[in-house]
Amino acid sequence: MSNGERRRERLRRAHLYLVIDAEVDGRPADAVVEAALRGGVDLVQLREKERADEEIVAAGRRLRALCDEHDALLVVNDRPDLALACDADAVHVGQEDEAIAGVRRTVGDELLIGVSTHSPDQVAAALEADVDYFAVGPVHATPTKPGRPAVGLELVRHAAEVAGERPFFAIGGIDTGNVADVAAAGAERVAVVRAIRDADDPGAVATQLRAALVPAHV
């Protein structure tokens, strides 16, 4: 089995995806990430838009080591070149980023590609594109996506109906108080930022989120 096949198999088994900056409250995010991984996070995305490339790569390599310890996938946001430099498993792009075909040419067949979607048309385009997974959201309004209106659970239901075997993650304002509703709408997988990043006990929150997703979809 190739590296790409192994990564895609791990993606199919995944349920919980953490998106995080290189630092939390002015300190490296490593401790939060490690606790979240122990709690059941399957993917970690390093999302950094402001730092210098070398800082992003340094943070990515630290997270690479943590993900390896817990058999988790490492994702880098926006930048295929930095995903390769970090030895990441995947790159995640938005609707305004480089076209999927160009990303695939850069990263080859071994790295996974994910894309954000915010409408039924964008979901349809993702299903036609050479991507390994897509994200649907923001389900609820969230300060991590200022100016982006919430799509609600209806788009989650739509994605669940049309995705087939393609993995998708619901994202946006999801926490322990509403994750059951998101799962009931058809999401087997969710991605979170604040629910874990800002928690007093990130590992415990990760465990709670995963427990809400896994029982009905084992």
N, C-alpha and C. Protein backbone atom coordinates (compact mmCIF):
# COMPACT_ATOMS: atom_id res chain seq x y z
N MET A 1 0.85 -1.20 0.00
CA MET A 1 0.00 0.00 0.00
C MET A 1 0.88 1.25 0.00
N SER A 2 0.58 2.19 -0.88
CA SER A 2 1.37 3.42 -0.98
C SER A 2 1.05 4.35 0.19
N ASN A 3 1.90 5.38 0.36
CA ASN A 3 1.63 6.37 1.39
C ASN A 3 0.27 7.04 1.18
N GLY A 4 -0.03 7.35 -0.07
CA GLY A 4 -1.30 7.97 -0.37
C GLY A 4 -2.48 7.08 0.01
N GLU A 5 -2.40 5.82 -0.29
CA GLU A 5 -3.46 4.88 0.06
C GLU A 5 -3.62 4.77 1.57
N ARG A 6 -2.49 4.72 2.28
CA ARG A 6 -2.56 4.65 3.75
C ARG A 6 -3.21 5.91 4.32
N ARG A 7 -2.85 7.05 3.76
CA ARG A 7 -3.44 8.30 4.24
C ARG A 7 -4.94 8.33 3.97
N ARG A 8 -5.35 7.88 2.82
CA ARG A 8 -6.78 7.89 2.49
C ARG A 8 -7.56 6.91 3.36
N GLU A 9 -6.95 5.81 3.72
CA GLU A 9 -7.60 4.86 4.61
C GLU A 9 -7.75 5.47 6.00
N ARG A 10 -6.73 6.15 6.49
CA ARG A 10 -6.83 6.81 7.80
C ARG A 10 -7.87 7.92 7.76
N LEU A 11 -7.97 8.63 6.64
CA LEU A 11 -8.98 9.66 6.51
C LEU A 11 -10.38 9.06 6.59
N ARG A 12 -10.61 7.94 5.96
CA ARG A 12 -11.93 7.30 6.00
C ARG A 12 -12.32 6.91 7.42
N ARG A 13 -11.33 6.59 8.25
CA ARG A 13 -11.62 6.19 9.64
C ARG A 13 -11.74 7.38 10.57
N ALA A 14 -11.42 8.58 10.10
CA ALA A 14 -11.34 9.76 10.95
C ALA A 14 -12.73 10.31 11.29
N HIS A 15 -12.81 10.94 12.46
CA HIS A 15 -14.05 11.59 12.88
C HIS A 15 -13.83 13.02 13.38
N LEU A 16 -12.69 13.29 13.99
CA LEU A 16 -12.50 14.58 14.68
C LEU A 16 -11.25 15.29 14.17
N TYR A 17 -11.43 16.55 13.79
CA TYR A 17 -10.41 17.34 13.09
C TYR A 17 -10.23 18.64 13.87
N LEU A 18 -9.01 18.90 14.30
CA LEU A 18 -8.68 20.13 15.02
C LEU A 18 -7.96 21.09 14.08
N VAL A 19 -8.44 22.33 14.02
CA VAL A 19 -7.80 23.40 13.25
C VAL A 19 -7.22 24.38 14.26
N ILE A 20 -5.93 24.69 14.12
CA ILE A 20 -5.28 25.49 15.17
C ILE A 20 -4.14 26.31 14.59
N ASP A 21 -3.88 27.46 15.22
CA ASP A 21 -2.73 28.29 14.88
C ASP A 21 -1.46 27.70 15.50
N ALA A 22 -0.34 28.27 15.12
CA ALA A 22 0.93 27.81 15.67
C ALA A 22 1.06 28.10 17.16
N GLU A 23 0.37 29.16 17.62
CA GLU A 23 0.43 29.53 19.03
C GLU A 23 -0.98 29.69 19.61
N VAL A 24 -1.09 29.41 20.89
CA VAL A 24 -2.33 29.63 21.65
C VAL A 24 -1.95 30.47 22.85
N ASP A 25 -2.55 31.65 22.94
CA ASP A 25 -2.26 32.57 24.05
C ASP A 25 -0.76 32.87 24.15
N GLY A 26 -0.13 33.06 23.00
CA GLY A 26 1.27 33.45 22.98
C GLY A 26 2.26 32.34 23.20
N ARG A 27 1.78 31.12 23.33
CA ARG A 27 2.67 29.97 23.53
C ARG A 27 2.47 28.95 22.42
N PRO A 28 3.49 28.18 22.09
CA PRO A 28 3.31 27.15 21.06
C PRO A 28 2.09 26.28 21.36
N ALA A 29 1.39 25.92 20.31
CA ALA A 29 0.15 25.15 20.46
C ALA A 29 0.39 23.69 20.80
N ASP A 30 1.64 23.30 20.94
CA ASP A 30 1.97 21.87 21.08
C ASP A 30 1.22 21.19 22.23
N ALA A 31 1.14 21.85 23.39
CA ALA A 31 0.51 21.20 24.55
C ALA A 31 -0.98 20.99 24.30
N VAL A 32 -1.64 21.97 23.69
CA VAL A 32 -3.06 21.81 23.37
C VAL A 32 -3.25 20.68 22.36
N VAL A 33 -2.40 20.66 21.35
CA VAL A 33 -2.51 19.63 20.32
C VAL A 33 -2.27 18.25 20.90
N GLU A 34 -1.27 18.12 21.74
CA GLU A 34 -0.98 16.81 22.32
C GLU A 34 -2.15 16.32 23.16
N ALA A 35 -2.73 17.19 23.97
CA ALA A 35 -3.88 16.80 24.77
C ALA A 35 -5.06 16.41 23.88
N ALA A 36 -5.27 17.18 22.82
CA ALA A 36 -6.37 16.88 21.90
C ALA A 36 -6.17 15.55 21.20
N LEU A 37 -4.94 15.27 20.82
CA LEU A 37 -4.64 13.98 20.19
C LEU A 37 -4.90 12.82 21.15
N ARG A 38 -4.50 13.00 22.40
CA ARG A 38 -4.78 11.96 23.38
C ARG A 38 -6.29 11.76 23.56
N GLY A 39 -7.05 12.85 23.39
CA GLY A 39 -8.50 12.78 23.55
C GLY A 39 -9.23 12.20 22.37
N GLY A 40 -8.55 12.05 21.23
CA GLY A 40 -9.20 11.39 20.11
C GLY A 40 -9.21 12.15 18.80
N VAL A 41 -8.49 13.26 18.69
CA VAL A 41 -8.41 13.98 17.42
C VAL A 41 -7.67 13.14 16.39
N ASP A 42 -8.20 13.10 15.17
CA ASP A 42 -7.63 12.27 14.10
C ASP A 42 -6.80 13.08 13.10
N LEU A 43 -7.14 14.36 12.94
CA LEU A 43 -6.42 15.24 12.04
C LEU A 43 -6.14 16.56 12.75
N VAL A 44 -4.98 17.13 12.46
CA VAL A 44 -4.63 18.45 12.98
C VAL A 44 -4.24 19.33 11.80
N GLN A 45 -4.95 20.44 11.66
CA GLN A 45 -4.59 21.40 10.61
C GLN A 45 -3.87 22.59 11.23
N LEU A 46 -2.69 22.87 10.71
CA LEU A 46 -1.97 24.08 11.07
C LEU A 46 -2.46 25.19 10.14
N ARG A 47 -3.19 26.14 10.72
CA ARG A 47 -3.73 27.24 9.94
C ARG A 47 -3.04 28.53 10.35
N GLU A 48 -2.12 28.99 9.53
CA GLU A 48 -1.36 30.21 9.78
C GLU A 48 -1.33 31.05 8.52
N LYS A 49 -1.78 32.29 8.63
CA LYS A 49 -1.82 33.16 7.47
C LYS A 49 -0.87 34.35 7.57
N GLU A 50 -0.32 34.59 8.75
CA GLU A 50 0.44 35.81 8.96
C GLU A 50 1.94 35.57 9.16
N ARG A 51 2.32 34.41 9.62
CA ARG A 51 3.72 34.18 10.00
C ARG A 51 4.61 33.95 8.78
N ALA A 52 5.90 34.15 9.02
CA ALA A 52 6.88 33.88 7.97
C ALA A 52 6.90 32.38 7.66
N ASP A 53 7.28 32.07 6.43
CA ASP A 53 7.29 30.67 6.00
C ASP A 53 8.12 29.79 6.92
N GLU A 54 9.27 30.27 7.34
CA GLU A 54 10.14 29.43 8.17
C GLU A 54 9.51 29.14 9.53
N GLU A 55 8.74 30.09 10.04
CA GLU A 55 8.04 29.86 11.31
C GLU A 55 6.94 28.83 11.14
N ILE A 56 6.23 28.89 10.03
CA ILE A 56 5.18 27.92 9.76
C ILE A 56 5.77 26.53 9.62
N VAL A 57 6.86 26.42 8.91
CA VAL A 57 7.49 25.11 8.73
C VAL A 57 7.99 24.57 10.06
N ALA A 58 8.59 25.42 10.88
CA ALA A 58 9.07 24.96 12.19
C ALA A 58 7.92 24.45 13.04
N ALA A 59 6.81 25.18 13.06
CA ALA A 59 5.64 24.74 13.82
C ALA A 59 5.08 23.45 13.23
N GLY A 60 5.03 23.39 11.91
CA GLY A 60 4.51 22.19 11.25
C GLY A 60 5.33 20.95 11.56
N ARG A 61 6.62 21.10 11.65
CA ARG A 61 7.46 19.94 11.95
C ARG A 61 7.28 19.48 13.39
N ARG A 62 7.04 20.43 14.30
CA ARG A 62 6.75 20.02 15.68
C ARG A 62 5.42 19.26 15.74
N LEU A 63 4.42 19.76 15.04
CA LEU A 63 3.13 19.08 15.03
C LEU A 63 3.21 17.75 14.29
N ARG A 64 4.07 17.68 13.29
CA ARG A 64 4.28 16.41 12.58
C ARG A 64 4.71 15.32 13.56
N ALA A 65 5.64 15.66 14.43
CA ALA A 65 6.13 14.68 15.40
C ALA A 65 5.02 14.26 16.36
N LEU A 66 4.21 15.21 16.81
CA LEU A 66 3.10 14.88 17.71
C LEU A 66 2.07 14.00 17.01
N CYS A 67 1.74 14.34 15.79
CA CYS A 67 0.76 13.53 15.04
C CYS A 67 1.28 12.12 14.84
N ASP A 68 2.56 11.98 14.57
CA ASP A 68 3.12 10.64 14.38
C ASP A 68 2.98 9.79 15.63
N GLU A 69 3.13 10.42 16.79
CA GLU A 69 3.01 9.68 18.06
C GLU A 69 1.60 9.13 18.27
N HIS A 70 0.62 9.77 17.64
CA HIS A 70 -0.78 9.38 17.88
C HIS A 70 -1.46 8.87 16.60
N ASP A 71 -0.69 8.57 15.57
CA ASP A 71 -1.22 8.05 14.30
C ASP A 71 -2.29 8.98 13.73
N ALA A 72 -2.04 10.29 13.81
CA ALA A 72 -2.96 11.29 13.28
C ALA A 72 -2.38 11.92 12.02
N LEU A 73 -3.26 12.50 11.22
CA LEU A 73 -2.86 13.15 9.98
C LEU A 73 -2.59 14.63 10.23
N LEU A 74 -1.54 15.14 9.60
CA LEU A 74 -1.20 16.56 9.68
C LEU A 74 -1.59 17.24 8.38
N VAL A 75 -2.30 18.36 8.51
CA VAL A 75 -2.77 19.14 7.38
C VAL A 75 -2.19 20.55 7.50
N VAL A 76 -1.80 21.13 6.38
CA VAL A 76 -1.36 22.53 6.34
C VAL A 76 -2.34 23.31 5.49
N ASN A 77 -2.71 24.49 5.96
CA ASN A 77 -3.71 25.30 5.29
C ASN A 77 -3.09 26.13 4.17
N ASP A 78 -3.78 26.21 3.05
CA ASP A 78 -3.54 27.17 1.96
C ASP A 78 -2.32 26.89 1.09
N ARG A 79 -1.22 26.45 1.68
CA ARG A 79 0.07 26.47 0.99
C ARG A 79 0.57 25.07 0.67
N PRO A 80 0.41 24.61 -0.57
CA PRO A 80 0.93 23.28 -0.94
C PRO A 80 2.44 23.17 -0.74
N ASP A 81 3.17 24.25 -1.02
CA ASP A 81 4.62 24.19 -0.88
C ASP A 81 5.03 23.98 0.57
N LEU A 82 4.34 24.65 1.49
CA LEU A 82 4.67 24.49 2.90
C LEU A 82 4.20 23.14 3.43
N ALA A 83 3.10 22.61 2.89
CA ALA A 83 2.68 21.26 3.28
C ALA A 83 3.77 20.25 2.96
N LEU A 84 4.39 20.40 1.80
CA LEU A 84 5.49 19.51 1.44
C LEU A 84 6.69 19.74 2.35
N ALA A 85 6.99 20.98 2.67
CA ALA A 85 8.15 21.29 3.51
C ALA A 85 7.97 20.76 4.93
N CYS A 86 6.71 20.70 5.40
CA CYS A 86 6.42 20.19 6.74
C CYS A 86 6.28 18.67 6.76
N ASP A 87 6.38 18.03 5.60
CA ASP A 87 6.10 16.59 5.50
C ASP A 87 4.68 16.29 5.98
N ALA A 88 3.75 17.16 5.62
CA ALA A 88 2.36 16.98 6.00
C ALA A 88 1.72 15.86 5.19
N ASP A 89 0.56 15.43 5.67
CA ASP A 89 -0.21 14.41 4.95
C ASP A 89 -1.19 15.02 3.97
N ALA A 90 -1.51 16.30 4.17
CA ALA A 90 -2.56 16.92 3.36
C ALA A 90 -2.39 18.43 3.33
N VAL A 91 -3.02 19.05 2.35
CA VAL A 91 -3.14 20.49 2.27
C VAL A 91 -4.62 20.81 2.13
N HIS A 92 -5.05 21.88 2.81
CA HIS A 92 -6.46 22.29 2.76
C HIS A 92 -6.54 23.67 2.14
N VAL A 93 -7.41 23.84 1.16
CA VAL A 93 -7.53 25.12 0.48
C VAL A 93 -8.97 25.63 0.55
N GLY A 94 -9.10 26.95 0.44
CA GLY A 94 -10.41 27.58 0.42
C GLY A 94 -10.85 27.89 -0.99
N GLN A 95 -12.02 28.48 -1.10
CA GLN A 95 -12.57 28.80 -2.41
C GLN A 95 -11.76 29.88 -3.13
N GLU A 96 -11.06 30.72 -2.38
CA GLU A 96 -10.29 31.81 -3.00
C GLU A 96 -8.83 31.45 -3.19
N ASP A 97 -8.45 30.24 -2.84
CA ASP A 97 -7.05 29.84 -2.97
C ASP A 97 -6.78 29.24 -4.35
N GLU A 98 -5.59 28.70 -4.52
CA GLU A 98 -5.19 28.12 -5.80
C GLU A 98 -6.17 27.03 -6.25
N ALA A 99 -6.38 26.94 -7.56
CA ALA A 99 -7.27 25.93 -8.12
C ALA A 99 -6.76 24.53 -7.78
N ILE A 100 -7.71 23.60 -7.61
CA ILE A 100 -7.36 22.24 -7.19
C ILE A 100 -6.38 21.58 -8.15
N ALA A 101 -6.56 21.78 -9.44
CA ALA A 101 -5.66 21.14 -10.42
C ALA A 101 -4.22 21.57 -10.20
N GLY A 102 -4.02 22.86 -9.91
CA GLY A 102 -2.67 23.34 -9.65
C GLY A 102 -2.11 22.79 -8.35
N VAL A 103 -2.95 22.70 -7.34
CA VAL A 103 -2.51 22.12 -6.07
C VAL A 103 -2.08 20.68 -6.28
N ARG A 104 -2.86 19.92 -7.04
CA ARG A 104 -2.51 18.51 -7.27
C ARG A 104 -1.21 18.39 -8.02
N ARG A 105 -0.97 19.27 -8.97
CA ARG A 105 0.31 19.22 -9.68
C ARG A 105 1.47 19.46 -8.73
N THR A 106 1.28 20.32 -7.76
CA THR A 106 2.35 20.62 -6.80
C THR A 106 2.60 19.47 -5.84
N VAL A 107 1.55 18.90 -5.28
CA VAL A 107 1.72 17.92 -4.20
C VAL A 107 1.76 16.48 -4.69
N GLY A 108 1.34 16.22 -5.93
CA GLY A 108 1.34 14.85 -6.43
C GLY A 108 0.18 14.04 -5.88
N ASP A 109 0.24 12.74 -6.12
CA ASP A 109 -0.87 11.87 -5.75
C ASP A 109 -0.80 11.37 -4.30
N GLU A 110 0.33 11.53 -3.65
CA GLU A 110 0.50 10.95 -2.33
C GLU A 110 -0.11 11.80 -1.22
N LEU A 111 -0.17 13.12 -1.42
CA LEU A 111 -0.76 13.99 -0.40
C LEU A 111 -2.26 14.13 -0.63
N LEU A 112 -2.98 14.25 0.46
CA LEU A 112 -4.41 14.47 0.40
C LEU A 112 -4.69 15.95 0.16
N ILE A 113 -5.83 16.23 -0.45
CA ILE A 113 -6.28 17.60 -0.65
C ILE A 113 -7.69 17.73 -0.10
N GLY A 114 -7.91 18.78 0.70
CA GLY A 114 -9.24 19.12 1.19
C GLY A 114 -9.62 20.51 0.74
N VAL A 115 -10.92 20.77 0.64
CA VAL A 115 -11.39 22.07 0.21
C VAL A 115 -12.59 22.49 1.04
N SER A 116 -12.71 23.78 1.32
CA SER A 116 -13.85 24.33 2.04
C SER A 116 -15.00 24.58 1.07
N THR A 117 -16.23 24.31 1.52
CA THR A 117 -17.42 24.59 0.72
C THR A 117 -18.46 25.29 1.58
N HIS A 118 -19.26 26.15 0.92
CA HIS A 118 -20.23 26.96 1.65
C HIS A 118 -21.60 26.97 0.99
N SER A 119 -21.80 26.16 -0.04
CA SER A 119 -23.07 26.16 -0.76
C SER A 119 -23.22 24.82 -1.49
N PRO A 120 -24.44 24.49 -1.91
CA PRO A 120 -24.62 23.25 -2.69
C PRO A 120 -23.80 23.24 -3.97
N ASP A 121 -23.66 24.37 -4.64
CA ASP A 121 -22.86 24.42 -5.86
C ASP A 121 -21.40 24.11 -5.58
N GLN A 122 -20.89 24.63 -4.48
CA GLN A 122 -19.50 24.37 -4.13
C GLN A 122 -19.30 22.92 -3.71
N VAL A 123 -20.28 22.33 -3.04
CA VAL A 123 -20.22 20.90 -2.72
C VAL A 123 -20.17 20.09 -4.00
N ALA A 124 -21.01 20.43 -4.96
CA ALA A 124 -21.02 19.71 -6.24
C ALA A 124 -19.67 19.83 -6.94
N ALA A 125 -19.09 21.03 -6.92
CA ALA A 125 -17.78 21.21 -7.56
C ALA A 125 -16.71 20.39 -6.86
N ALA A 126 -16.77 20.32 -5.53
CA ALA A 126 -15.80 19.52 -4.79
C ALA A 126 -15.90 18.05 -5.14
N LEU A 127 -17.11 17.57 -5.32
CA LEU A 127 -17.30 16.16 -5.66
C LEU A 127 -16.81 15.84 -7.06
N GLU A 128 -16.75 16.83 -7.92
CA GLU A 128 -16.23 16.63 -9.27
C GLU A 128 -14.73 16.85 -9.35
N ALA A 129 -14.16 17.47 -8.34
CA ALA A 129 -12.74 17.81 -8.35
C ALA A 129 -11.89 16.68 -7.77
N ASP A 130 -10.59 16.82 -7.94
CA ASP A 130 -9.63 15.83 -7.44
C ASP A 130 -9.28 16.16 -6.00
N VAL A 131 -10.29 16.08 -5.12
CA VAL A 131 -10.05 16.31 -3.70
C VAL A 131 -10.42 15.05 -2.93
N ASP A 132 -9.78 14.89 -1.78
CA ASP A 132 -9.99 13.69 -0.97
C ASP A 132 -11.07 13.88 0.08
N TYR A 133 -11.30 15.11 0.49
CA TYR A 133 -12.38 15.40 1.42
C TYR A 133 -12.80 16.85 1.24
N PHE A 134 -13.95 17.21 1.77
CA PHE A 134 -14.36 18.61 1.77
C PHE A 134 -14.95 18.96 3.12
N ALA A 135 -14.92 20.25 3.43
CA ALA A 135 -15.50 20.77 4.66
C ALA A 135 -16.74 21.58 4.31
N VAL A 136 -17.75 21.52 5.15
CA VAL A 136 -19.02 22.21 4.94
C VAL A 136 -19.25 23.17 6.09
N GLY A 137 -19.44 24.44 5.79
CA GLY A 137 -19.69 25.38 6.87
C GLY A 137 -19.55 26.82 6.43
N PRO A 138 -19.56 27.73 7.40
CA PRO A 138 -19.71 27.46 8.83
C PRO A 138 -21.15 27.08 9.19
N VAL A 139 -21.29 26.00 9.93
CA VAL A 139 -22.62 25.56 10.34
C VAL A 139 -23.28 26.62 11.20
N HIS A 140 -22.51 27.16 12.15
CA HIS A 140 -22.97 28.26 12.99
C HIS A 140 -22.01 29.43 12.82
N ALA A 141 -22.50 30.63 13.07
CA ALA A 141 -21.63 31.80 12.98
C ALA A 141 -20.44 31.64 13.92
N THR A 142 -19.26 32.06 13.47
CA THR A 142 -18.05 31.88 14.27
C THR A 142 -17.09 33.02 14.01
N PRO A 143 -16.43 33.53 15.05
CA PRO A 143 -15.46 34.60 14.85
C PRO A 143 -14.22 34.16 14.09
N THR A 144 -14.01 32.87 13.92
CA THR A 144 -12.86 32.42 13.13
C THR A 144 -13.11 32.61 11.64
N LYS A 145 -14.37 32.88 11.25
CA LYS A 145 -14.71 33.18 9.86
C LYS A 145 -15.55 34.45 9.80
N PRO A 146 -14.96 35.59 10.15
CA PRO A 146 -15.73 36.83 10.18
C PRO A 146 -16.28 37.17 8.80
N GLY A 147 -17.54 37.59 8.77
CA GLY A 147 -18.17 37.96 7.52
C GLY A 147 -18.73 36.80 6.72
N ARG A 148 -18.48 35.59 7.17
CA ARG A 148 -19.00 34.41 6.46
C ARG A 148 -20.31 34.00 7.12
N PRO A 149 -21.45 34.11 6.41
CA PRO A 149 -22.73 33.75 7.04
C PRO A 149 -22.83 32.26 7.33
N ALA A 150 -23.53 31.93 8.40
CA ALA A 150 -23.73 30.53 8.76
C ALA A 150 -24.59 29.83 7.71
N VAL A 151 -24.25 28.59 7.40
CA VAL A 151 -25.02 27.82 6.42
C VAL A 151 -26.08 26.96 7.09
N GLY A 152 -25.97 26.78 8.41
CA GLY A 152 -26.95 25.98 9.13
C GLY A 152 -26.81 24.50 8.86
N LEU A 153 -27.75 23.74 9.41
CA LEU A 153 -27.69 22.29 9.27
C LEU A 153 -28.18 21.81 7.91
N GLU A 154 -28.87 22.66 7.18
CA GLU A 154 -29.42 22.23 5.89
C GLU A 154 -28.31 21.83 4.92
N LEU A 155 -27.22 22.58 4.90
CA LEU A 155 -26.12 22.22 4.00
C LEU A 155 -25.44 20.93 4.46
N VAL A 156 -25.40 20.70 5.76
CA VAL A 156 -24.88 19.43 6.27
C VAL A 156 -25.74 18.28 5.76
N ARG A 157 -27.05 18.44 5.86
CA ARG A 157 -27.96 17.39 5.37
C ARG A 157 -27.75 17.15 3.87
N HIS A 158 -27.61 18.24 3.13
CA HIS A 158 -27.38 18.11 1.69
C HIS A 158 -26.09 17.36 1.41
N ALA A 159 -25.02 17.74 2.10
CA ALA A 159 -23.74 17.07 1.89
C ALA A 159 -23.83 15.58 2.20
N ALA A 160 -24.54 15.25 3.28
CA ALA A 160 -24.69 13.84 3.66
C ALA A 160 -25.44 13.06 2.58
N GLU A 161 -26.36 13.72 1.90
CA GLU A 161 -27.15 13.05 0.87
C GLU A 161 -26.35 12.80 -0.40
N VAL A 162 -25.44 13.72 -0.73
CA VAL A 162 -24.78 13.64 -2.04
C VAL A 162 -23.33 13.18 -1.98
N ALA A 163 -22.72 13.14 -0.80
CA ALA A 163 -21.27 12.89 -0.71
C ALA A 163 -20.88 11.48 -1.12
N GLY A 164 -21.78 10.51 -0.97
CA GLY A 164 -21.40 9.14 -1.27
C GLY A 164 -20.28 8.68 -0.36
N GLU A 165 -19.22 8.17 -0.96
CA GLU A 165 -18.08 7.68 -0.18
C GLU A 165 -17.07 8.77 0.14
N ARG A 166 -17.27 9.98 -0.38
CA ARG A 166 -16.30 11.06 -0.15
C ARG A 166 -16.45 11.60 1.27
N PRO A 167 -15.40 11.56 2.07
CA PRO A 167 -15.50 12.08 3.44
C PRO A 167 -15.75 13.59 3.43
N PHE A 168 -16.59 14.05 4.36
CA PHE A 168 -16.74 15.48 4.56
C PHE A 168 -16.81 15.77 6.04
N PHE A 169 -16.41 17.00 6.40
CA PHE A 169 -16.39 17.46 7.79
C PHE A 169 -17.28 18.68 7.91
N ALA A 170 -18.20 18.68 8.87
CA ALA A 170 -18.95 19.88 9.21
C ALA A 170 -18.06 20.75 10.09
N ILE A 171 -18.09 22.06 9.88
CA ILE A 171 -17.23 22.97 10.63
C ILE A 171 -17.96 24.28 10.88
N GLY A 172 -17.61 24.93 11.97
CA GLY A 172 -18.13 26.26 12.24
C GLY A 172 -19.00 26.32 13.48
N GLY A 173 -18.42 26.76 14.59
CA GLY A 173 -19.19 26.94 15.82
C GLY A 173 -19.67 25.65 16.45
N ILE A 174 -19.04 24.53 16.13
CA ILE A 174 -19.46 23.24 16.68
C ILE A 174 -18.77 23.02 18.02
N ASP A 175 -19.56 22.59 19.01
CA ASP A 175 -19.00 22.34 20.33
C ASP A 175 -19.76 21.18 20.98
N THR A 176 -19.46 20.92 22.23
CA THR A 176 -20.10 19.77 22.90
C THR A 176 -21.60 19.97 23.08
N GLY A 177 -22.06 21.23 23.03
CA GLY A 177 -23.48 21.49 23.22
C GLY A 177 -24.33 21.28 21.99
N ASN A 178 -23.71 21.32 20.79
CA ASN A 178 -24.49 21.17 19.57
C ASN A 178 -24.00 20.09 18.63
N VAL A 179 -22.93 19.39 18.99
CA VAL A 179 -22.39 18.39 18.08
C VAL A 179 -23.38 17.27 17.81
N ALA A 180 -24.23 16.93 18.78
CA ALA A 180 -25.21 15.87 18.55
C ALA A 180 -26.18 16.24 17.45
N ASP A 181 -26.58 17.51 17.38
CA ASP A 181 -27.47 17.97 16.33
C ASP A 181 -26.79 17.88 14.96
N VAL A 182 -25.50 18.21 14.93
CA VAL A 182 -24.75 18.14 13.68
C VAL A 182 -24.64 16.68 13.22
N ALA A 183 -24.37 15.79 14.16
CA ALA A 183 -24.31 14.37 13.82
C ALA A 183 -25.66 13.86 13.34
N ALA A 184 -26.74 14.32 13.98
CA ALA A 184 -28.08 13.89 13.58
C ALA A 184 -28.43 14.37 12.18
N ALA A 185 -27.81 15.48 11.74
CA ALA A 185 -28.04 15.99 10.39
C ALA A 185 -27.28 15.19 9.34
N GLY A 186 -26.43 14.27 9.79
CA GLY A 186 -25.75 13.40 8.84
C GLY A 186 -24.24 13.49 8.81
N ALA A 187 -23.65 14.32 9.66
CA ALA A 187 -22.20 14.47 9.67
C ALA A 187 -21.56 13.38 10.54
N GLU A 188 -20.74 12.56 9.94
CA GLU A 188 -19.98 11.57 10.69
C GLU A 188 -18.66 12.16 11.19
N ARG A 189 -18.32 13.35 10.67
CA ARG A 189 -17.03 13.96 10.97
C ARG A 189 -17.24 15.44 11.21
N VAL A 190 -16.53 16.01 12.18
CA VAL A 190 -16.58 17.44 12.41
C VAL A 190 -15.18 17.99 12.59
N ALA A 191 -15.04 19.26 12.27
CA ALA A 191 -13.80 20.00 12.51
C ALA A 191 -14.12 21.14 13.47
N VAL A 192 -13.22 21.38 14.41
CA VAL A 192 -13.44 22.42 15.41
C VAL A 192 -12.18 23.24 15.61
N VAL A 193 -12.39 24.45 16.07
CA VAL A 193 -11.29 25.34 16.44
C VAL A 193 -11.41 25.66 17.93
N ARG A 194 -12.33 26.58 18.25
CA ARG A 194 -12.42 27.12 19.61
C ARG A 194 -12.82 26.08 20.65
N ALA A 195 -13.67 25.13 20.27
CA ALA A 195 -14.18 24.18 21.26
C ALA A 195 -13.05 23.44 21.97
N ILE A 196 -12.01 23.13 21.23
CA ILE A 196 -10.84 22.46 21.83
C ILE A 196 -9.77 23.46 22.22
N ARG A 197 -9.47 24.40 21.33
CA ARG A 197 -8.37 25.35 21.59
C ARG A 197 -8.58 26.12 22.87
N ASP A 198 -9.81 26.55 23.14
CA ASP A 198 -10.08 27.42 24.28
C ASP A 198 -10.54 26.67 25.53
N ALA A 199 -10.55 25.36 25.47
CA ALA A 199 -11.05 24.57 26.59
C ALA A 199 -10.03 24.51 27.73
N ASP A 200 -10.53 24.44 28.96
CA ASP A 200 -9.64 24.23 30.10
C ASP A 200 -8.99 22.86 30.03
N ASP A 201 -9.71 21.89 29.48
CA ASP A 201 -9.20 20.53 29.34
C ASP A 201 -9.43 20.08 27.89
N PRO A 202 -8.51 20.41 26.97
CA PRO A 202 -8.72 20.09 25.57
C PRO A 202 -8.92 18.60 25.30
N GLY A 203 -8.22 17.78 26.06
CA GLY A 203 -8.35 16.33 25.86
C GLY A 203 -9.74 15.83 26.21
N ALA A 204 -10.29 16.33 27.30
CA ALA A 204 -11.63 15.91 27.71
C ALA A 204 -12.68 16.35 26.71
N VAL A 205 -12.54 17.56 26.18
CA VAL A 205 -13.50 18.04 25.18
C VAL A 205 -13.39 17.22 23.91
N ALA A 206 -12.17 16.90 23.49
CA ALA A 206 -12.00 16.05 22.31
C ALA A 206 -12.69 14.71 22.50
N THR A 207 -12.54 14.13 23.68
CA THR A 207 -13.17 12.84 23.96
C THR A 207 -14.70 12.96 23.89
N GLN A 208 -15.26 14.03 24.42
CA GLN A 208 -16.71 14.23 24.38
C GLN A 208 -17.20 14.42 22.95
N LEU A 209 -16.49 15.21 22.17
CA LEU A 209 -16.90 15.43 20.79
C LEU A 209 -16.86 14.12 20.00
N ARG A 210 -15.80 13.37 20.17
CA ARG A 210 -15.67 12.12 19.43
C ARG A 210 -16.76 11.13 19.85
N ALA A 211 -17.08 11.09 21.14
CA ALA A 211 -18.11 10.17 21.62
C ALA A 211 -19.46 10.48 21.01
N ALA A 212 -19.70 11.76 20.69
CA ALA A 212 -20.98 12.13 20.08
C ALA A 212 -21.05 11.70 18.63
N LEU A 213 -19.91 11.44 18.02
CA LEU A 213 -19.85 11.12 16.59
C LEU A 213 -19.73 9.62 16.33
N VAL A 214 -18.98 8.94 17.15
CA VAL A 214 -18.59 7.57 16.81
C VAL A 214 -19.67 6.52 17.06
N PRO A 215 -20.45 6.57 18.16
CA PRO A 215 -21.34 5.44 18.43
C PRO A 215 -22.29 5.07 17.30
N ALA A 216 -22.83 6.08 16.61
CA ALA A 216 -23.78 5.79 15.54
C ALA A 216 -23.11 5.41 14.23
N HIS A 217 -21.78 5.53 14.18
CA HIS A 217 -21.09 5.34 12.91
C HIS A 217 -19.88 4.43 13.05
N VAL A 218 -19.94 3.48 13.93
CA VAL A 218 -18.80 2.57 14.11
C VAL A 218 -18.80 1.53 13.01
